[in-house]
Protein backbone atom coordinates (compact mmCIF):
# COMPACT_ATOMS: atom_id res chain seq x y z
CA MET A 1 -20.55 22.82 -22.47
CA LYS A 2 -22.13 24.42 -19.47
CA PRO A 3 -19.92 25.44 -16.53
CA VAL A 4 -21.65 22.88 -14.31
CA GLU A 5 -20.83 20.10 -16.76
CA ASN A 6 -17.21 21.24 -16.94
CA ALA A 7 -16.94 21.16 -13.16
CA PHE A 8 -18.51 17.71 -13.04
CA TYR A 9 -16.10 16.28 -15.61
CA MET A 10 -13.15 17.88 -13.84
CA LEU A 11 -14.17 16.32 -10.51
CA LEU A 12 -14.74 12.98 -12.20
CA THR A 13 -11.25 13.09 -13.73
CA ILE A 14 -9.62 14.04 -10.43
CA THR A 15 -11.44 11.21 -8.65
CA ALA A 16 -10.36 8.69 -11.28
CA ILE A 17 -6.73 9.77 -10.95
CA GLN A 18 -6.82 9.51 -7.15
CA VAL A 19 -8.40 6.05 -7.23
CA GLY A 20 -5.86 4.91 -9.80
CA THR A 21 -2.95 5.89 -7.58
CA MET A 22 -4.21 3.76 -4.71
CA MET A 23 -3.95 0.29 -6.18
CA PRO A 24 -3.11 -1.84 -3.13
CA ALA A 25 -2.77 -5.20 -4.89
CA TYR A 26 0.05 -3.98 -7.09
CA ALA A 27 1.53 -2.01 -4.23
CA ASP A 28 1.56 -5.15 -2.03
CA GLU A 29 3.63 -7.03 -4.58
CA SER A 30 5.94 -4.06 -5.08
CA LEU A 31 6.46 -3.56 -1.34
CA LEU A 32 7.04 -7.25 -0.74
CA ALA A 33 9.54 -7.45 -3.59
CA SER A 34 11.43 -4.36 -2.49
CA LEU A 35 11.72 -5.24 1.22
CA ASP A 36 11.99 -9.04 1.15
CA ASP A 37 15.81 -9.20 1.25
CA ASP A 38 16.06 -12.94 1.92
CA MET A 39 13.45 -13.73 -0.77
CA ASP A 40 11.37 -15.97 1.50
CA GLY A 41 8.06 -14.37 0.50
CA TYR A 42 7.62 -12.51 3.81
CA ILE A 43 8.66 -9.18 5.27
CA SER A 44 10.26 -9.76 8.65
CA LEU A 45 10.48 -7.10 11.32
CA LYS A 46 14.20 -6.81 10.53
CA GLU A 47 13.39 -6.16 6.85
CA ALA A 48 10.60 -3.70 7.72
CA VAL A 49 13.14 -1.45 9.44
CA ALA A 50 14.03 -0.18 5.95
CA ASP A 51 10.61 1.50 5.70
CA THR A 52 9.69 3.55 8.78
CA ARG A 53 6.06 4.00 7.72
CA LEU A 54 5.55 0.26 7.45
CA LEU A 55 7.50 -0.34 10.65
CA ARG A 56 5.13 1.91 12.62
CA ILE A 57 2.11 -0.21 11.71
CA PHE A 58 3.85 -3.59 11.43
CA SER A 59 2.13 -5.12 14.47
CA ARG A 60 -1.31 -4.04 13.23
CA ILE A 61 -0.75 -5.75 9.89
CA ASP A 62 0.80 -8.90 11.42
CA LYS A 63 -2.52 -10.47 12.36
CA ASN A 64 -1.13 -13.88 13.36
CA GLY A 65 1.68 -12.35 15.42
CA ASP A 66 4.47 -14.41 13.86
CA GLY A 67 6.73 -11.41 13.26
CA MET A 68 6.40 -11.78 9.48
CA LEU A 69 4.14 -10.02 6.98
CA SER A 70 2.78 -12.28 4.27
CA ALA A 71 1.33 -11.13 0.97
CA GLU A 72 -2.10 -12.10 2.30
CA GLU A 73 -1.68 -9.96 5.44
CA LEU A 74 -0.54 -7.04 3.32
CA GLU A 75 -3.55 -7.42 1.00
CA LYS A 76 -6.02 -7.54 3.90
CA SER A 77 -4.52 -4.57 5.72
CA ASP A 78 -5.76 -1.02 5.36
CA TYR A 79 -2.54 0.79 4.60
CA SER A 80 -2.80 1.77 0.93
CA GLU A 81 -2.03 5.43 1.64
CA ILE A 82 1.30 4.43 3.20
CA ILE A 83 2.23 2.27 0.24
CA THR A 84 1.37 5.05 -2.17
CA MET A 85 3.65 7.43 -0.30
CA ASN A 86 6.52 4.93 -0.52
CA GLN A 87 6.54 4.78 -4.31
C-alpha cells in the first residue's frame, strides 16, 4: 500500500472509533439508570447532584423547566461529550 493510503485508512479507523464512543442514545439510558435513585424514570435536581458535569448543564437540558430530566430531554440535548466522560 502507498503511504497516502495507509494514512487514509488510519484516519478512517480513528474517526470510526471516536464516533463509536459517542453513542448518546445508549448513554442516555445508562445515565438515567445510574442516577434515577427513586426509579421514577426522571433525574431530579437532587439526583443530578451526584454528577457535577450534568448538574452544571441541568437547566439547559430541562427544557420544560419542571426540575426533572426525562429520557426525551436527555436524548434531545447536546451533551454527549459529558456523558462519554462519565463512563
